C-alpha atoms as a PDB file:
ATOM      1  CA  MET A   1       0.000   0.000   0.000  1.00  0.00           C
ATOM      2  CA  GLU A   2       2.857   2.341   0.821  1.00  0.00           C
ATOM      3  CA  ILE A   3       4.299   1.772  -2.659  1.00  0.00           C
ATOM      4  CA  ILE A   4       0.933   2.519  -4.304  1.00  0.00           C
ATOM      5  CA  LYS A   5       0.609   5.784  -2.335  1.00  0.00           C
ATOM      6  CA  ARG A   6       4.083   6.856  -3.399  1.00  0.00           C
ATOM      7  CA  ILE A   7       3.343   6.097  -7.080  1.00  0.00           C
ATOM      8  CA  SER A   8       0.045   8.022  -6.898  1.00  0.00           C
ATOM      9  CA  LEU A   9       1.809  10.991  -5.304  1.00  0.00           C
ATOM     10  CA  MET A  10       4.473  11.024  -8.017  1.00  0.00           C
ATOM     11  CA  LEU A  11       1.799  10.916 -10.749  1.00  0.00           C
ATOM     12  CA  CYS A  12      -0.053  13.865  -9.176  1.00  0.00           C
ATOM     13  CA  ILE A  13       3.158  15.903  -9.022  1.00  0.00           C
ATOM     14  CA  ALA A  14       3.958  15.124 -12.686  1.00  0.00           C
ATOM     15  CA  ILE A  15       0.461  16.086 -13.843  1.00  0.00           C
ATOM     16  CA  PHE A  16       0.617  19.331 -11.846  1.00  0.00           C
ATOM     17  CA  ALA A  17       4.013  20.218 -13.384  1.00  0.00           C
ATOM     18  CA  VAL A  18       2.772  19.657 -16.955  1.00  0.00           C
ATOM     19  CA  ALA A  19      -0.334  21.741 -16.325  1.00  0.00           C
ATOM     20  CA  CYS A  20       1.713  24.650 -14.997  1.00  0.00           C
ATOM     21  CA  SER A  21       4.189  24.604 -17.895  1.00  0.00           C
ATOM     22  CA  ALA A  22       1.553  24.510 -20.685  1.00  0.00           C
ATOM     23  CA  PRO A  23      -0.014  27.893 -21.757  1.00  0.00           C
ATOM     24  CA  SER A  24      -3.684  28.242 -21.052  1.00  0.00           C
ATOM     25  CA  SER A  25      -6.099  28.124 -23.965  1.00  0.00           C
ATOM     26  CA  SER A  26      -7.132  31.683 -23.186  1.00  0.00           C
ATOM     27  CA  ASN A  27      -3.494  32.845 -23.425  1.00  0.00           C
ATOM     28  CA  GLU A  28      -3.104  31.010 -26.726  1.00  0.00           C
ATOM     29  CA  GLU A  29      -6.236  32.626 -28.087  1.00  0.00           C
ATOM     30  CA  GLN A  30      -5.041  36.063 -26.957  1.00  0.00           C
ATOM     31  CA  ALA A  31      -1.675  35.550 -28.666  1.00  0.00           C
ATOM     32  CA  GLN A  32      -3.388  34.396 -31.848  1.00  0.00           C
ATOM     33  CA  ASN A  33      -5.749  37.371 -31.767  1.00  0.00           C
ATOM     34  CA  GLU A  34      -2.855  39.792 -31.307  1.00  0.00           C
ATOM     35  CA  ALA A  35      -0.975  38.228 -34.233  1.00  0.00           C
ATOM     36  CA  SER A  36      -4.093  38.310 -36.373  1.00  0.00           C
ATOM     37  CA  THR A  37      -4.732  41.943 -35.479  1.00  0.00           C
ATOM     38  CA  SER A  38      -1.149  42.817 -36.348  1.00  0.00           C
ATOM     39  CA  GLU A  39      -1.410  41.159 -39.769  1.00  0.00           C
ATOM     40  CA  GLU A  40      -4.738  42.809 -40.551  1.00  0.00           C
ATOM     41  CA  GLN A  41      -3.514  46.347 -39.846  1.00  0.00           C
ATOM     42  CA  PRO A  42      -3.582  48.218 -43.158  1.00  0.00           C
ATOM     43  CA  LYS A  43      -0.298  49.563 -44.433  1.00  0.00           C
ATOM     44  CA  LYS A  44       0.041  53.218 -43.649  1.00  0.00           C
ATOM     45  CA  THR A  45      -0.529  55.275 -46.759  1.00  0.00           C
ATOM     46  CA  PRO A  46       1.335  58.578 -46.563  1.00  0.00           C
ATOM     47  CA  GLN A  47      -0.906  61.579 -47.073  1.00  0.00           C
ATOM     48  CA  GLU A  48       2.078  63.639 -48.142  1.00  0.00           C
ATOM     49  CA  PRO A  49       4.789  62.572 -50.588  1.00  0.00           C
ATOM     50  CA  LYS A  50       8.223  61.605 -49.443  1.00  0.00           C
ATOM     51  CA  THR A  51      10.948  64.175 -49.863  1.00  0.00           C
ATOM     52  CA  LEU A  52      12.206  63.896 -53.417  1.00  0.00           C
ATOM     53  CA  ALA A  53      15.637  64.392 -54.860  1.00  0.00           C
ATOM     54  CA  GLY A  54      15.941  67.536 -56.920  1.00  0.00           C
ATOM     55  CA  TYR A  55      14.276  70.872 -56.362  1.00  0.00           C
ATOM     56  CA  GLN A  56      12.096  71.438 -53.320  1.00  0.00           C
ATOM     57  CA  VAL A  57       9.390  74.043 -52.846  1.00  0.00           C
ATOM     58  CA  GLY A  58      11.130  77.377 -52.305  1.00  0.00           C
ATOM     59  CA  ASP A  59      14.248  76.475 -54.292  1.00  0.00           C
ATOM     60  CA  ILE A  60      15.471  78.577 -57.188  1.00  0.00           C
ATOM     61  CA  ALA A  61      15.354  76.525 -60.378  1.00  0.00           C
ATOM     62  CA  GLU A  62      18.050  76.674 -63.008  1.00  0.00           C
ATOM     63  CA  ASP A  63      16.841  77.690 -66.452  1.00  0.00           C
ATOM     64  CA  PHE A  64      16.935  75.285 -69.395  1.00  0.00           C
ATOM     65  CA  GLU A  65      16.819  75.469 -73.155  1.00  0.00           C
ATOM     66  CA  LEU A  66      15.012  72.636 -74.895  1.00  0.00           C
ATOM     67  CA  LYS A  67      13.750  71.996 -78.408  1.00  0.00           C
ATOM     68  CA  ASN A  68      10.052  72.554 -78.989  1.00  0.00           C
ATOM     69  CA  VAL A  69       7.964  70.561 -81.465  1.00  0.00           C
ATOM     70  CA  ASP A  70       8.018  73.589 -83.786  1.00  0.00           C
ATOM     71  CA  GLY A  71      11.793  73.359 -83.999  1.00  0.00           C
ATOM     72  CA  ASN A  72      12.500  76.427 -81.849  1.00  0.00           C
ATOM     73  CA  MET A  73      14.416  76.419 -78.589  1.00  0.00           C
ATOM     74  CA  VAL A  74      12.433  77.383 -75.470  1.00  0.00           C
ATOM     75  CA  SER A  75      13.626  78.530 -72.055  1.00  0.00           C
ATOM     76  CA  MET A  76      11.979  80.177 -69.074  1.00  0.00           C
ATOM     77  CA  ALA A  77      13.882  83.344 -69.907  1.00  0.00           C
ATOM     78  CA  SER A  78      12.210  83.402 -73.318  1.00  0.00           C
ATOM     79  CA  MET A  79       8.822  83.894 -71.615  1.00  0.00           C
ATOM     80  CA  GLU A  80       9.634  87.503 -70.773  1.00  0.00           C
ATOM     81  CA  GLU A  81       6.148  88.775 -69.978  1.00  0.00           C
ATOM     82  CA  ALA A  82       5.076  85.799 -67.886  1.00  0.00           C
ATOM     83  CA  LYS A  83       4.875  85.858 -64.101  1.00  0.00           C
ATOM     84  CA  GLY A  84       6.080  82.296 -64.108  1.00  0.00           C
ATOM     85  CA  CYS A  85       5.105  79.044 -65.802  1.00  0.00           C
ATOM     86  CA  VAL A  86       3.700  75.590 -65.216  1.00  0.00           C
ATOM     87  CA  LEU A  87       6.206  72.873 -66.092  1.00  0.00           C
ATOM     88  CA  VAL A  88       4.586  69.509 -66.692  1.00  0.00           C
ATOM     89  CA  PHE A  89       6.745  66.465 -67.250  1.00  0.00           C
ATOM     90  CA  THR A  90       4.572  64.342 -69.503  1.00  0.00           C
ATOM     91  CA  CYS A  91       4.781  62.108 -72.564  1.00  0.00           C
ATOM     92  CA  ASN A  92       2.925  60.506 -75.459  1.00  0.00           C
ATOM     93  CA  LYS A  93       2.412  56.934 -74.328  1.00  0.00           C
ATOM     94  CA  CYS A  94       1.584  56.938 -70.628  1.00  0.00           C
ATOM     95  CA  PRO A  95      -2.203  56.526 -70.205  1.00  0.00           C
ATOM     96  CA  TYR A  96      -2.154  58.998 -67.316  1.00  0.00           C
ATOM     97  CA  SER A  97      -0.475  61.626 -69.479  1.00  0.00           C
ATOM     98  CA  VAL A  98      -2.963  60.998 -72.283  1.00  0.00           C
ATOM     99  CA  ALA A  99      -5.871  61.283 -69.836  1.00  0.00           C
ATOM    100  CA  TYR A 100      -4.672  64.749 -68.782  1.00  0.00           C
ATOM    101  CA  GLU A 101      -4.039  66.240 -72.235  1.00  0.00           C
ATOM    102  CA  ASP A 102      -7.405  67.968 -72.579  1.00  0.00           C
ATOM    103  CA  ARG A 103      -7.154  69.329 -69.039  1.00  0.00           C
ATOM    104  CA  LEU A 104      -3.690  70.718 -69.738  1.00  0.00           C
ATOM    105  CA  ILE A 105      -4.982  72.524 -72.822  1.00  0.00           C
ATOM    106  CA  GLU A 106      -7.817  74.097 -70.824  1.00  0.00           C
ATOM    107  CA  LEU A 107      -5.479  75.067 -67.994  1.00  0.00           C
ATOM    108  CA  ASP A 108      -3.085  76.677 -70.460  1.00  0.00           C
ATOM    109  CA  LYS A 109      -5.852  78.686 -72.091  1.00  0.00           C
ATOM    110  CA  LYS A 110      -7.014  79.943 -68.709  1.00  0.00           C
ATOM    111  CA  TYR A 111      -3.749  80.677 -66.924  1.00  0.00           C
ATOM    112  CA  LYS A 112      -1.409  81.882 -69.650  1.00  0.00           C
ATOM    113  CA  GLU A 113      -3.617  84.975 -69.840  1.00  0.00           C
ATOM    114  CA  LEU A 114      -3.006  85.399 -66.109  1.00  0.00           C
ATOM    115  CA  GLY A 115       0.760  85.074 -66.435  1.00  0.00           C
ATOM    116  CA  TYR A 116       1.322  81.344 -65.987  1.00  0.00           C
ATOM    117  CA  PRO A 117       1.602  79.543 -69.338  1.00  0.00           C
ATOM    118  CA  MET A 118       1.882  75.778 -69.596  1.00  0.00           C
ATOM    119  CA  VAL A 119       5.156  74.179 -70.729  1.00  0.00           C
ATOM    120  CA  ALA A 120       5.194  70.414 -71.313  1.00  0.00           C
ATOM    121  CA  ILE A 121       8.459  68.487 -71.220  1.00  0.00           C
ATOM    122  CA  ASN A 122       8.877  64.878 -72.362  1.00  0.00           C
ATOM    123  CA  PRO A 123      11.532  63.260 -70.124  1.00  0.00           C
ATOM    124  CA  ASN A 124      11.394  59.716 -71.494  1.00  0.00           C
ATOM    125  CA  ASP A 125      14.212  58.017 -73.379  1.00  0.00           C
ATOM    126  CA  PRO A 126      12.956  57.227 -76.905  1.00  0.00           C
ATOM    127  CA  ASP A 127      15.340  54.242 -77.065  1.00  0.00           C
ATOM    128  CA  VAL A 128      13.241  52.700 -74.318  1.00  0.00           C
ATOM    129  CA  VAL A 129       9.881  54.088 -75.483  1.00  0.00           C
ATOM    130  CA  PRO A 130       9.912  54.698 -79.271  1.00  0.00           C
ATOM    131  CA  GLU A 131       6.465  56.301 -79.013  1.00  0.00           C
ATOM    132  CA  ASP A 132       8.122  59.151 -77.116  1.00  0.00           C
ATOM    133  CA  SER A 133      10.581  60.147 -79.815  1.00  0.00           C
ATOM    134  CA  TYR A 134      10.815  63.773 -80.872  1.00  0.00           C
ATOM    135  CA  GLU A 135       9.154  62.936 -84.208  1.00  0.00           C
ATOM    136  CA  ALA A 136       6.256  61.242 -82.405  1.00  0.00           C
ATOM    137  CA  MET A 137       5.938  64.294 -80.149  1.00  0.00           C
ATOM    138  CA  VAL A 138       5.502  66.532 -83.203  1.00  0.00           C
ATOM    139  CA  VAL A 139       2.718  64.286 -84.469  1.00  0.00           C
ATOM    140  CA  ARG A 140       0.970  64.105 -81.104  1.00  0.00           C
ATOM    141  CA  SER A 141       1.089  67.863 -80.616  1.00  0.00           C
ATOM    142  CA  GLU A 142      -0.559  68.403 -83.997  1.00  0.00           C
ATOM    143  CA  GLU A 143      -3.172  65.709 -83.397  1.00  0.00           C
ATOM    144  CA  LYS A 144      -4.263  67.145 -80.049  1.00  0.00           C
ATOM    145  CA  GLY A 145      -3.800  70.781 -80.959  1.00  0.00           C
ATOM    146  CA  PHE A 146      -1.533  71.596 -78.033  1.00  0.00           C
ATOM    147  CA  THR A 147      -1.682  75.296 -77.209  1.00  0.00           C
ATOM    148  CA  PHE A 148       1.594  75.155 -75.290  1.00  0.00           C
ATOM    149  CA  PRO A 149       5.236  74.272 -76.022  1.00  0.00           C
ATOM    150  CA  TYR A 150       6.021  70.565 -75.957  1.00  0.00           C
ATOM    151  CA  LEU A 151       9.732  70.202 -75.281  1.00  0.00           C
ATOM    152  CA  PHE A 152      12.059  67.239 -75.662  1.00  0.00           C
ATOM    153  CA  ASP A 153      14.455  66.584 -72.764  1.00  0.00           C
ATOM    154  CA  ASP A 154      17.195  65.356 -75.087  1.00  0.00           C
ATOM    155  CA  GLY A 155      19.753  63.381 -73.107  1.00  0.00           C
ATOM    156  CA  GLN A 156      17.511  63.444 -70.029  1.00  0.00           C
ATOM    157  CA  LYS A 157      19.421  66.329 -68.471  1.00  0.00           C
ATOM    158  CA  VAL A 158      16.569  68.464 -67.124  1.00  0.00           C
ATOM    159  CA  TYR A 159      14.125  66.195 -65.313  1.00  0.00           C
ATOM    160  CA  PRO A 160      16.690  64.820 -62.788  1.00  0.00           C
ATOM    161  CA  LYS A 161      17.442  68.375 -61.635  1.00  0.00           C
ATOM    162  CA  TYR A 162      13.776  68.852 -60.833  1.00  0.00           C
ATOM    163  CA  GLY A 163      13.391  65.439 -59.248  1.00  0.00           C
ATOM    164  CA  ALA A 164      10.444  64.419 -61.416  1.00  0.00           C
ATOM    165  CA  ILE A 165       9.570  60.735 -61.092  1.00  0.00           C
ATOM    166  CA  LYS A 166       6.190  60.464 -62.824  1.00  0.00           C
ATOM    167  CA  THR A 167       4.382  61.477 -65.971  1.00  0.00           C
ATOM    168  CA  PRO A 168       2.588  63.723 -65.389  1.00  0.00           C
ATOM    169  CA  HIS A 169       4.547  65.587 -62.699  1.00  0.00           C
ATOM    170  CA  VAL A 170       3.978  69.319 -62.172  1.00  0.00           C
ATOM    171  CA  TYR A 171       6.299  72.126 -61.084  1.00  0.00           C
ATOM    172  CA  VAL A 172       4.895  75.638 -60.821  1.00  0.00           C
ATOM    173  CA  ILE A 173       7.594  78.259 -61.251  1.00  0.00           C
ATOM    174  CA  GLN A 174       7.180  81.813 -59.997  1.00  0.00           C
ATOM    175  CA  LYS A 175       9.463  84.551 -61.263  1.00  0.00           C
ATOM    176  CA  THR A 176      10.971  86.502 -58.358  1.00  0.00           C
ATOM    177  CA  GLU A 177      13.845  88.909 -57.843  1.00  0.00           C
ATOM    178  CA  ALA A 178      15.882  85.963 -56.586  1.00  0.00           C
ATOM    179  CA  GLY A 179      15.133  83.893 -59.687  1.00  0.00           C
ATOM    180  CA  ASN A 180      12.753  81.185 -60.854  1.00  0.00           C
ATOM    181  CA  LYS A 181      11.268  80.020 -57.570  1.00  0.00           C
ATOM    182  CA  VAL A 182       9.559  76.627 -57.242  1.00  0.00           C
ATOM    183  CA  ALA A 183       6.140  77.357 -55.741  1.00  0.00           C
ATOM    184  CA  TYR A 184       4.298  74.057 -56.137  1.00  0.00           C
ATOM    185  CA  ILE A 185       5.254  70.434 -56.850  1.00  0.00           C
ATOM    186  CA  GLY A 186       3.032  67.431 -57.430  1.00  0.00           C
ATOM    187  CA  ALA A 187      -0.211  66.353 -59.054  1.00  0.00           C
ATOM    188  CA  ILE A 188      -2.566  68.251 -61.354  1.00  0.00           C
ATOM    189  CA  ASP A 189      -5.598  67.070 -59.409  1.00  0.00           C
ATOM    190  CA  ASP A 190      -6.731  63.987 -57.524  1.00  0.00           C
ATOM    191  CA  SER A 191      -8.084  61.713 -60.258  1.00  0.00           C
ATOM    192  CA  LYS A 192      -7.061  60.329 -63.632  1.00  0.00           C
ATOM    193  CA  ASP A 193     -10.755  60.410 -64.538  1.00  0.00           C
ATOM    194  CA  ALA A 194     -11.745  64.031 -65.149  1.00  0.00           C
ATOM    195  CA  GLU A 195     -15.324  63.338 -64.062  1.00  0.00           C
ATOM    196  CA  GLU A 196     -14.204  62.110 -60.640  1.00  0.00           C
ATOM    197  CA  VAL A 197     -11.943  65.032 -59.721  1.00  0.00           C
ATOM    198  CA  GLN A 198     -12.664  66.475 -56.294  1.00  0.00           C
ATOM    199  CA  VAL A 199      -9.556  68.562 -55.591  1.00  0.00           C
ATOM    200  CA  LYS A 200      -7.857  70.682 -58.273  1.00  0.00           C
ATOM    201  CA  TYR A 201      -4.405  71.015 -56.745  1.00  0.00           C
ATOM    202  CA  LEU A 202      -2.761  72.864 -59.630  1.00  0.00           C
ATOM    203  CA  GLU A 203      -5.593  75.334 -60.141  1.00  0.00           C
ATOM    204  CA  ASN A 204      -5.716  76.040 -56.420  1.00  0.00           C
ATOM    205  CA  ALA A 205      -1.960  76.659 -56.355  1.00  0.00           C
ATOM    206  CA  LEU A 206      -2.102  79.032 -59.320  1.00  0.00           C
ATOM    207  CA  ASP A 207      -5.091  80.906 -57.927  1.00  0.00           C
ATOM    208  CA  ALA A 208      -3.201  81.385 -54.668  1.00  0.00           C
ATOM    209  CA  LEU A 209      -0.111  82.761 -56.412  1.00  0.00           C
ATOM    210  CA  ILE A 210      -2.158  85.107 -58.567  1.00  0.00           C
ATOM    211  CA  SER A 211      -3.888  86.463 -55.453  1.00  0.00           C
ATOM    212  CA  GLY A 212      -0.557  87.016 -53.715  1.00  0.00           C
ATOM    213  CA  LYS A 213      -0.742  84.002 -51.417  1.00  0.00           C
ATOM    214  CA  LYS A 214       1.317  80.841 -51.010  1.00  0.00           C
ATOM    215  CA  PRO A 215      -0.118  77.599 -52.365  1.00  0.00           C
ATOM    216  CA  ASP A 216      -1.564  75.354 -49.678  1.00  0.00           C
ATOM    217  CA  PRO A 217      -0.731  72.579 -50.092  1.00  0.00           C
ATOM    218  CA  SER A 218       2.456  73.410 -51.966  1.00  0.00           C
ATOM    219  CA  LEU A 219       3.473  69.745 -52.216  1.00  0.00           C
ATOM    220  CA  THR A 220       1.300  66.811 -53.260  1.00  0.00           C
ATOM    221  CA  LYS A 221       1.974  63.289 -54.436  1.00  0.00           C
ATOM    222  CA  ALA A 222       2.281  62.957 -58.212  1.00  0.00           C
ATOM    223  CA  PHE A 223       0.823  59.783 -59.704  1.00  0.00           C
ATOM    224  CA  GLY A 224       1.164  58.257 -63.147  1.00  0.00           C
ATOM    225  CA  CYS A 225       3.802  56.294 -65.062  1.00  0.00           C
ATOM    226  CA  SER A 226       7.448  56.083 -64.069  1.00  0.00           C
ATOM    227  CA  ILE A 227       9.896  58.073 -66.175  1.00  0.00           C
ATOM    228  CA  LYS A 228      11.722  55.740 -68.540  1.00  0.00           C
ATOM    229  CA  CYS A 229      15.507  55.996 -68.426  1.00  0.00           C
ATOM    230  CA  LYS A 230      18.376  54.553 -70.384  1.00  0.00           C
ATOM    231  CA  LYS A 231      18.261  50.771 -70.554  1.00  0.00           C
ATOM    232  CA  GLU A 232      21.508  50.391 -68.641  1.00  0.00           C
ATOM    233  CA  GLU A 233      20.138  52.609 -65.868  1.00  0.00           C
ATOM    234  CA  LYS A 234      17.438  51.904 -63.335  1.00  0.00           C
ATOM    235  CA  ASN A 235      14.070  53.428 -64.149  1.00  0.00           C
ATOM    236  CA  ILE A 236      12.953  55.978 -61.585  1.00  0.00           C
END
């Protein structure tokens, strides 16, 4: 009997030890719930764009001289009577750029009379995107009836200075005593579909400048197609 008691006691101790070392079902469920909650958290979408390389709002932009589709060279200095200009890095092929063409024409008609003409610049490498060659630009400009210069960034020397990464990507330039000041960077508005636009970022920025105020916001996130670089380089 003494042996049986000892064996029973040892079994009770062993069972108690196992029970203490094993996590409770409630703790397991809590851990699983926490893991599940962590996985289900949506990725944080930045409301403001990351800081880009190139010019920032408030910087003085270097002038350029690029070939227009009419064969003439265009620079910011050549727009002597303008208060500034709207530089739009865009192209022929990108569906986002195509979707904005009519809006760019209307914006140019409205704001060039107020001192801020539109200037489109094609930053893409035609060796990567043949549809964005200078010759194709001439054809596209005639087809759409562009009312603004459409310049070719030959050698892709201009867009990296500005830090453009998308087509379309907008830079509003304001002429000041200090030079060509960057006043707004980013998107034209908030939707590729013209019928779904709710916020007209570019128009709001231009209206602010014309009324003597600073654009607010002065920096928004451009969206569209990536700029196509030389094949041996990494596309931005």
